[in-house]
């Protein structure tokens, strides 16, 4: 089985102008971010790549926890993308996730260890991570906390 996703893009003008992207469930403006001397209107490829990777990771993590019958009380991720610019060449180098997973207070130490292992496995196994493998480094810092 294959799935096809489509997006329409429109850009008129030069480097510092603004374009649009539209997909079935997404419509926004795009431009170069201010960090790269652009107008910073809408989103940009750097944020979109980070968003694709992070959303893939959090959904994969939730699915894997569910398949393992490990309940959680919420997952939050702070995602950071690092882009290097050397000699005018832009390279997306790293994505770093700071992941917090809340588990029930009665979670055993064994369950917490398993949650931590699944967090790593989800990072490495999500479709976007696999697509970027060998080109972008991923770092993961996971904290599992028992909560009421």
N, C-alpha and C. Protein backbone atom coordinates (compact mmCIF):
# COMPACT_ATOMS: atom_id res chain seq x y z
N UNK A 1 0.84 -1.17 0.00
CA UNK A 1 0.00 0.00 0.00
C UNK A 1 0.89 1.24 0.00
N UNK A 2 0.53 2.20 -0.80
CA UNK A 2 1.25 3.47 -0.86
C UNK A 2 0.28 4.60 -0.58
N UNK A 3 0.79 5.66 0.03
CA UNK A 3 0.00 6.86 0.30
C UNK A 3 0.65 8.02 -0.44
N UNK A 4 -0.14 8.86 -1.02
CA UNK A 4 0.37 10.03 -1.73
C UNK A 4 -0.11 11.29 -1.03
N UNK A 5 0.80 12.19 -0.80
CA UNK A 5 0.47 13.48 -0.21
C UNK A 5 0.83 14.56 -1.22
N UNK A 6 -0.01 15.58 -1.31
CA UNK A 6 0.22 16.63 -2.29
C UNK A 6 0.24 17.99 -1.61
N UNK A 7 0.99 18.89 -2.20
CA UNK A 7 1.07 20.26 -1.72
C UNK A 7 1.22 21.18 -2.92
N UNK A 8 0.53 22.29 -2.89
CA UNK A 8 0.67 23.31 -3.93
C UNK A 8 1.43 24.49 -3.32
N UNK A 9 2.40 24.99 -4.07
CA UNK A 9 3.19 26.12 -3.61
C UNK A 9 3.13 27.23 -4.63
N UNK A 10 3.19 28.45 -4.15
CA UNK A 10 3.16 29.62 -5.02
C UNK A 10 4.17 30.63 -4.50
N UNK A 11 5.00 31.13 -5.42
CA UNK A 11 6.03 32.12 -5.05
C UNK A 11 6.18 33.10 -6.20
N UNK A 12 5.99 34.35 -5.91
CA UNK A 12 6.26 35.38 -6.92
C UNK A 12 7.23 36.36 -6.29
N UNK A 13 8.22 36.73 -7.04
CA UNK A 13 9.19 37.67 -6.52
C UNK A 13 10.53 37.02 -6.26
N UNK A 14 11.31 37.69 -5.45
CA UNK A 14 12.69 37.27 -5.21
C UNK A 14 12.89 36.64 -3.84
N UNK A 15 14.13 36.62 -3.44
CA UNK A 15 14.55 35.93 -2.21
C UNK A 15 13.78 36.37 -0.98
N UNK A 16 13.54 37.63 -0.80
CA UNK A 16 12.91 38.12 0.42
C UNK A 16 11.42 38.41 0.27
N UNK A 17 10.80 37.76 -0.67
CA UNK A 17 9.35 37.88 -0.80
C UNK A 17 8.68 36.76 -0.02
N UNK A 18 7.38 36.65 -0.18
CA UNK A 18 6.58 35.70 0.59
C UNK A 18 5.78 34.84 -0.37
N UNK A 19 5.75 33.53 -0.08
CA UNK A 19 4.95 32.62 -0.87
C UNK A 19 3.89 31.96 -0.02
N UNK A 20 3.22 31.00 -0.61
CA UNK A 20 2.20 30.25 0.12
C UNK A 20 2.36 28.76 -0.16
N UNK A 21 1.95 27.98 0.82
CA UNK A 21 1.83 26.54 0.63
C UNK A 21 0.43 26.14 1.05
N UNK A 22 -0.10 25.14 0.35
CA UNK A 22 -1.42 24.66 0.70
C UNK A 22 -1.48 23.16 0.45
N UNK A 23 -1.87 22.44 1.48
CA UNK A 23 -2.10 21.01 1.40
C UNK A 23 -3.52 20.76 1.91
N UNK A 24 -3.90 19.52 1.97
CA UNK A 24 -5.27 19.22 2.39
C UNK A 24 -5.61 19.79 3.76
N UNK A 25 -4.68 19.71 4.70
CA UNK A 25 -4.95 20.18 6.05
C UNK A 25 -3.99 21.27 6.52
N UNK A 26 -3.35 21.95 5.60
CA UNK A 26 -2.38 22.98 5.95
C UNK A 26 -2.40 24.08 4.90
N UNK A 27 -2.47 25.31 5.37
CA UNK A 27 -2.37 26.45 4.46
C UNK A 27 -1.69 27.57 5.24
N UNK A 28 -0.56 28.05 4.71
CA UNK A 28 0.16 29.11 5.38
C UNK A 28 1.08 29.83 4.42
N UNK A 29 1.59 30.95 4.88
CA UNK A 29 2.60 31.67 4.11
C UNK A 29 3.98 31.11 4.43
N UNK A 30 4.90 31.31 3.50
CA UNK A 30 6.28 30.86 3.68
C UNK A 30 7.24 31.98 3.29
N UNK A 31 8.34 32.03 3.99
CA UNK A 31 9.41 32.96 3.62
C UNK A 31 10.69 32.50 4.32
N UNK A 32 11.74 33.18 4.02
CA UNK A 32 13.02 32.90 4.68
C UNK A 32 12.95 33.45 6.10
N UNK A 33 13.43 32.70 7.09
CA UNK A 33 13.35 33.17 8.48
C UNK A 33 14.28 34.36 8.73
N UNK A 34 13.97 35.16 9.74
CA UNK A 34 14.81 36.32 10.03
C UNK A 34 16.24 35.94 10.41
N UNK A 35 16.43 34.74 10.99
CA UNK A 35 17.78 34.28 11.34
C UNK A 35 18.66 34.17 10.11
N UNK A 36 18.04 34.04 8.95
CA UNK A 36 18.78 33.91 7.70
C UNK A 36 18.56 35.14 6.82
N UNK A 37 18.29 36.26 7.49
CA UNK A 37 18.11 37.56 6.84
C UNK A 37 16.92 37.61 5.89
N UNK A 38 15.85 36.93 6.27
CA UNK A 38 14.62 36.96 5.49
C UNK A 38 13.55 37.73 6.24
N UNK A 39 12.36 37.85 5.63
CA UNK A 39 11.28 38.62 6.26
C UNK A 39 10.61 37.91 7.43
N UNK A 40 10.72 36.60 7.53
CA UNK A 40 10.15 35.90 8.67
C UNK A 40 8.64 35.86 8.70
N UNK A 41 8.01 35.82 7.55
CA UNK A 41 6.55 35.78 7.47
C UNK A 41 6.12 34.33 7.25
N UNK A 42 5.18 33.89 8.05
CA UNK A 42 4.72 32.51 7.93
C UNK A 42 5.77 31.55 8.46
N UNK A 43 5.82 30.38 7.89
CA UNK A 43 6.79 29.38 8.31
C UNK A 43 7.90 29.29 7.27
N UNK A 44 8.80 28.34 7.46
CA UNK A 44 9.94 28.21 6.56
C UNK A 44 10.35 26.74 6.51
N UNK A 45 11.20 26.38 5.58
CA UNK A 45 11.59 24.97 5.45
C UNK A 45 12.22 24.39 6.71
N UNK A 46 12.97 25.20 7.44
CA UNK A 46 13.65 24.72 8.64
C UNK A 46 12.64 24.33 9.71
N UNK A 47 11.64 25.20 9.93
CA UNK A 47 10.59 24.87 10.89
C UNK A 47 9.76 23.69 10.42
N UNK A 48 9.49 23.63 9.13
CA UNK A 48 8.65 22.55 8.62
C UNK A 48 9.36 21.20 8.74
N UNK A 49 10.66 21.16 8.49
CA UNK A 49 11.40 19.91 8.65
C UNK A 49 11.41 19.49 10.12
N UNK A 50 11.65 20.45 11.00
CA UNK A 50 11.63 20.17 12.43
C UNK A 50 10.24 19.70 12.85
N UNK A 51 9.20 20.36 12.36
CA UNK A 51 7.83 19.97 12.68
C UNK A 51 7.49 18.58 12.17
N UNK A 52 7.94 18.26 10.96
CA UNK A 52 7.69 16.92 10.41
C UNK A 52 8.36 15.86 11.26
N UNK A 53 9.61 16.09 11.63
CA UNK A 53 10.34 15.11 12.43
C UNK A 53 9.71 14.97 13.82
N UNK A 54 9.41 16.09 14.46
CA UNK A 54 8.90 16.04 15.84
C UNK A 54 7.49 15.46 15.91
N UNK A 55 6.64 15.81 14.95
CA UNK A 55 5.29 15.23 14.98
C UNK A 55 5.33 13.74 14.68
N UNK A 56 6.20 13.33 13.78
CA UNK A 56 6.36 11.91 13.49
C UNK A 56 6.83 11.19 14.74
N UNK A 57 7.78 11.77 15.45
CA UNK A 57 8.31 11.15 16.66
C UNK A 57 7.25 11.03 17.74
N UNK A 58 6.51 12.10 18.03
CA UNK A 58 5.54 12.04 19.13
C UNK A 58 4.39 11.08 18.81
N UNK A 59 3.96 11.03 17.56
CA UNK A 59 2.90 10.10 17.18
C UNK A 59 3.40 8.67 17.24
N UNK A 60 4.61 8.43 16.75
CA UNK A 60 5.21 7.09 16.80
C UNK A 60 5.38 6.65 18.25
N UNK A 61 5.86 7.54 19.10
CA UNK A 61 6.05 7.24 20.52
C UNK A 61 4.73 6.86 21.18
N UNK A 62 3.70 7.66 20.96
CA UNK A 62 2.38 7.36 21.55
C UNK A 62 1.86 6.02 21.06
N UNK A 63 2.02 5.75 19.77
CA UNK A 63 1.54 4.48 19.21
C UNK A 63 2.31 3.29 19.79
N UNK A 64 3.63 3.43 19.91
CA UNK A 64 4.43 2.33 20.45
C UNK A 64 4.12 2.08 21.93
N UNK A 65 3.90 3.13 22.70
CA UNK A 65 3.52 2.96 24.10
C UNK A 65 2.19 2.24 24.18
N UNK A 66 1.25 2.63 23.34
CA UNK A 66 -0.06 1.98 23.33
C UNK A 66 0.02 0.51 22.96
N UNK A 67 0.82 0.19 21.95
CA UNK A 67 0.97 -1.22 21.55
C UNK A 67 1.65 -2.04 22.63
N UNK A 68 2.42 -1.40 23.49
CA UNK A 68 3.10 -2.10 24.59
C UNK A 68 2.27 -2.10 25.86
N UNK A 69 1.04 -1.60 25.78
CA UNK A 69 0.15 -1.51 26.94
C UNK A 69 0.75 -0.71 28.07
N UNK A 70 1.50 0.34 27.72
CA UNK A 70 2.07 1.25 28.71
C UNK A 70 1.27 2.55 28.66
N UNK A 71 0.58 2.85 29.75
CA UNK A 71 -0.22 4.06 29.75
C UNK A 71 0.66 5.25 30.13
N UNK A 72 0.24 6.41 29.67
CA UNK A 72 0.94 7.64 30.02
C UNK A 72 -0.10 8.71 30.32
N UNK A 73 0.34 9.74 31.01
CA UNK A 73 -0.53 10.85 31.38
C UNK A 73 -0.17 12.09 30.57
N UNK A 74 0.50 11.91 29.46
CA UNK A 74 0.88 13.03 28.60
C UNK A 74 2.34 12.98 28.21
N UNK A 75 2.58 13.40 26.98
CA UNK A 75 3.94 13.47 26.43
C UNK A 75 4.14 14.90 25.95
N UNK A 76 5.25 15.51 26.32
CA UNK A 76 5.60 16.82 25.78
C UNK A 76 7.02 16.74 25.23
N UNK A 77 7.23 17.45 24.15
CA UNK A 77 8.55 17.46 23.52
C UNK A 77 8.92 18.90 23.18
N UNK A 78 10.10 19.28 23.56
CA UNK A 78 10.70 20.50 23.05
C UNK A 78 11.68 20.06 21.98
N UNK A 79 11.47 20.54 20.76
CA UNK A 79 12.32 20.14 19.64
C UNK A 79 13.14 21.33 19.18
N UNK A 80 14.39 21.05 18.85
CA UNK A 80 15.31 22.09 18.41
C UNK A 80 16.05 21.61 17.16
N UNK A 81 16.06 22.42 16.13
CA UNK A 81 16.79 22.10 14.92
C UNK A 81 18.02 22.98 14.81
N UNK A 82 19.15 22.40 14.47
CA UNK A 82 20.41 23.13 14.34
C UNK A 82 20.81 23.13 12.87
N UNK A 83 20.95 24.33 12.32
CA UNK A 83 21.37 24.51 10.93
C UNK A 83 22.72 25.20 10.93
N UNK A 84 23.68 24.61 10.25
CA UNK A 84 25.02 25.19 10.13
C UNK A 84 25.12 25.93 8.80
N UNK A 85 25.78 27.09 8.84
CA UNK A 85 26.06 27.82 7.61
C UNK A 85 27.57 28.00 7.53
N UNK A 86 28.19 27.31 6.59
CA UNK A 86 29.62 27.41 6.38
C UNK A 86 29.86 27.71 4.91
N UNK A 87 30.59 28.79 4.67
CA UNK A 87 30.90 29.22 3.29
C UNK A 87 29.64 29.36 2.45
N UNK A 88 28.57 29.87 3.07
CA UNK A 88 27.32 30.10 2.35
C UNK A 88 26.50 28.86 2.08
N UNK A 89 26.92 27.70 2.60
CA UNK A 89 26.18 26.46 2.40
C UNK A 89 25.40 26.15 3.68
N UNK A 90 24.09 26.02 3.55
CA UNK A 90 23.21 25.73 4.68
C UNK A 90 23.06 24.22 4.82
N UNK A 91 23.33 23.71 6.03
CA UNK A 91 23.23 22.28 6.27
C UNK A 91 22.43 22.04 7.54
N UNK A 92 21.34 21.31 7.42
CA UNK A 92 20.55 20.92 8.60
C UNK A 92 21.32 19.80 9.28
N UNK A 93 21.93 20.11 10.42
CA UNK A 93 22.84 19.18 11.07
C UNK A 93 22.19 18.27 12.11
N UNK A 94 21.34 18.86 12.96
CA UNK A 94 20.89 18.10 14.11
C UNK A 94 19.47 18.47 14.51
N UNK A 95 18.77 17.47 15.04
CA UNK A 95 17.49 17.69 15.70
C UNK A 95 17.62 17.12 17.09
N UNK A 96 17.27 17.93 18.06
CA UNK A 96 17.38 17.54 19.47
C UNK A 96 15.99 17.57 20.10
N UNK A 97 15.62 16.45 20.75
CA UNK A 97 14.34 16.35 21.44
C UNK A 97 14.58 16.30 22.94
N UNK A 98 13.89 17.15 23.67
CA UNK A 98 13.80 17.04 25.12
C UNK A 98 12.39 16.55 25.39
N UNK A 99 12.30 15.29 25.78
CA UNK A 99 11.01 14.60 25.89
C UNK A 99 10.67 14.35 27.34
N UNK A 100 9.44 14.70 27.71
CA UNK A 100 8.94 14.43 29.05
C UNK A 100 7.70 13.55 28.92
N UNK A 101 7.75 12.43 29.59
CA UNK A 101 6.64 11.48 29.55
C UNK A 101 6.14 11.29 30.98
N UNK A 102 4.89 11.61 31.20
CA UNK A 102 4.28 11.41 32.51
C UNK A 102 3.59 10.06 32.52
N UNK A 103 3.88 9.28 33.55
CA UNK A 103 3.28 7.96 33.71
C UNK A 103 2.51 7.95 35.03
N UNK A 104 1.59 7.00 35.18
CA UNK A 104 0.84 6.93 36.44
C UNK A 104 1.75 6.68 37.63
N UNK A 105 1.30 7.09 38.81
CA UNK A 105 2.12 6.95 40.02
C UNK A 105 2.43 5.49 40.34
N UNK A 106 1.58 4.58 39.89
CA UNK A 106 1.82 3.18 40.19
C UNK A 106 2.71 2.47 39.16
N UNK A 107 3.30 3.24 38.24
CA UNK A 107 4.19 2.63 37.24
C UNK A 107 5.41 2.03 37.94
N UNK A 108 5.75 0.81 37.57
CA UNK A 108 6.91 0.15 38.17
C UNK A 108 8.20 0.69 37.58
N UNK A 109 9.31 0.43 38.26
CA UNK A 109 10.61 0.82 37.72
C UNK A 109 10.85 0.14 36.38
N UNK A 110 10.43 -1.11 36.25
CA UNK A 110 10.57 -1.85 35.00
C UNK A 110 9.79 -1.16 33.88
N UNK A 111 8.57 -0.70 34.19
CA UNK A 111 7.76 -0.01 33.19
C UNK A 111 8.43 1.30 32.76
N UNK A 112 9.00 2.01 33.69
CA UNK A 112 9.69 3.27 33.36
C UNK A 112 10.89 3.00 32.46
N UNK A 113 11.65 1.97 32.77
CA UNK A 113 12.78 1.59 31.92
C UNK A 113 12.31 1.26 30.51
N UNK A 114 11.20 0.55 30.42
CA UNK A 114 10.64 0.21 29.11
C UNK A 114 10.17 1.45 28.36
N UNK A 115 9.55 2.39 29.05
CA UNK A 115 9.12 3.65 28.43
C UNK A 115 10.34 4.39 27.86
N UNK A 116 11.42 4.42 28.61
CA UNK A 116 12.64 5.08 28.14
C UNK A 116 13.20 4.39 26.90
N UNK A 117 13.19 3.08 26.89
CA UNK A 117 13.66 2.34 25.71
C UNK A 117 12.77 2.61 24.49
N UNK A 118 11.48 2.64 24.72
CA UNK A 118 10.54 2.90 23.63
C UNK A 118 10.72 4.31 23.08
N UNK A 119 11.02 5.26 23.96
CA UNK A 119 11.25 6.64 23.49
C UNK A 119 12.42 6.67 22.50
N UNK A 120 13.49 5.96 22.81
CA UNK A 120 14.64 5.90 21.90
C UNK A 120 14.28 5.16 20.61
N UNK A 121 13.58 4.07 20.75
CA UNK A 121 13.19 3.28 19.58
C UNK A 121 12.27 4.10 18.66
N UNK A 122 11.37 4.87 19.24
CA UNK A 122 10.45 5.70 18.45
C UNK A 122 11.22 6.79 17.70
N UNK A 123 12.23 7.37 18.36
CA UNK A 123 13.06 8.39 17.70
C UNK A 123 13.76 7.81 16.48
N UNK A 124 14.31 6.63 16.64
CA UNK A 124 15.06 6.01 15.55
C UNK A 124 14.16 5.39 14.49
N UNK A 125 12.94 5.03 14.87
CA UNK A 125 12.09 4.28 13.97
C UNK A 125 11.03 5.05 13.23
N UNK A 126 10.81 6.31 13.58
CA UNK A 126 9.74 7.03 12.88
C UNK A 126 10.17 7.28 11.43
N UNK A 127 9.19 7.38 10.57
CA UNK A 127 9.41 7.47 9.12
C UNK A 127 10.31 8.65 8.74
N UNK A 128 10.12 9.79 9.36
CA UNK A 128 10.90 10.98 9.01
C UNK A 128 12.34 10.81 9.49
N UNK A 129 12.53 10.27 10.70
CA UNK A 129 13.90 10.02 11.18
C UNK A 129 14.64 9.09 10.23
N UNK A 130 13.95 8.05 9.78
CA UNK A 130 14.58 7.11 8.85
C UNK A 130 14.89 7.78 7.52
N UNK A 131 14.04 8.70 7.07
CA UNK A 131 14.30 9.41 5.81
C UNK A 131 15.51 10.32 5.92
N UNK A 132 15.75 10.86 7.10
CA UNK A 132 16.86 11.79 7.31
C UNK A 132 18.15 11.10 7.76
N UNK A 133 18.05 9.82 8.07
CA UNK A 133 19.21 9.08 8.60
C UNK A 133 20.42 9.23 7.70
N UNK A 134 21.56 9.49 8.33
CA UNK A 134 22.80 9.67 7.59
C UNK A 134 23.05 11.11 7.18
N UNK A 135 22.02 11.94 7.28
CA UNK A 135 22.16 13.35 6.92
C UNK A 135 21.96 14.29 8.10
N UNK A 136 21.09 13.91 9.02
CA UNK A 136 20.79 14.73 10.20
C UNK A 136 20.99 13.85 11.43
N UNK A 137 21.69 14.38 12.42
CA UNK A 137 21.90 13.68 13.68
C UNK A 137 20.72 13.97 14.61
N UNK A 138 20.31 12.95 15.35
CA UNK A 138 19.23 13.13 16.32
C UNK A 138 19.78 12.90 17.72
N UNK A 139 19.39 13.79 18.64
CA UNK A 139 19.72 13.63 20.05
C UNK A 139 18.43 13.56 20.84
N UNK A 140 18.45 12.78 21.91
CA UNK A 140 17.26 12.59 22.71
C UNK A 140 17.61 12.67 24.19
N UNK A 141 16.87 13.48 24.91
CA UNK A 141 16.97 13.56 26.37
C UNK A 141 15.56 13.30 26.89
N UNK A 142 15.36 12.16 27.55
CA UNK A 142 14.04 11.75 27.98
C UNK A 142 13.95 11.74 29.51
N UNK A 143 12.88 12.32 30.02
CA UNK A 143 12.58 12.28 31.44
C UNK A 143 11.21 11.63 31.60
N UNK A 144 11.15 10.59 32.42
CA UNK A 144 9.88 9.93 32.72
C UNK A 144 9.56 10.24 34.18
N UNK A 145 8.34 10.77 34.41
CA UNK A 145 7.94 11.20 35.73
C UNK A 145 6.62 10.55 36.14
N UNK A 146 6.57 10.07 37.34
CA UNK A 146 5.31 9.55 37.87
C UNK A 146 4.45 10.74 38.31
N UNK A 147 3.19 10.73 37.89
CA UNK A 147 2.28 11.81 38.26
C UNK A 147 0.94 11.21 38.71
N UNK A 148 0.19 11.99 39.49
CA UNK A 148 -1.15 11.57 39.93
C UNK A 148 -2.14 11.66 38.79
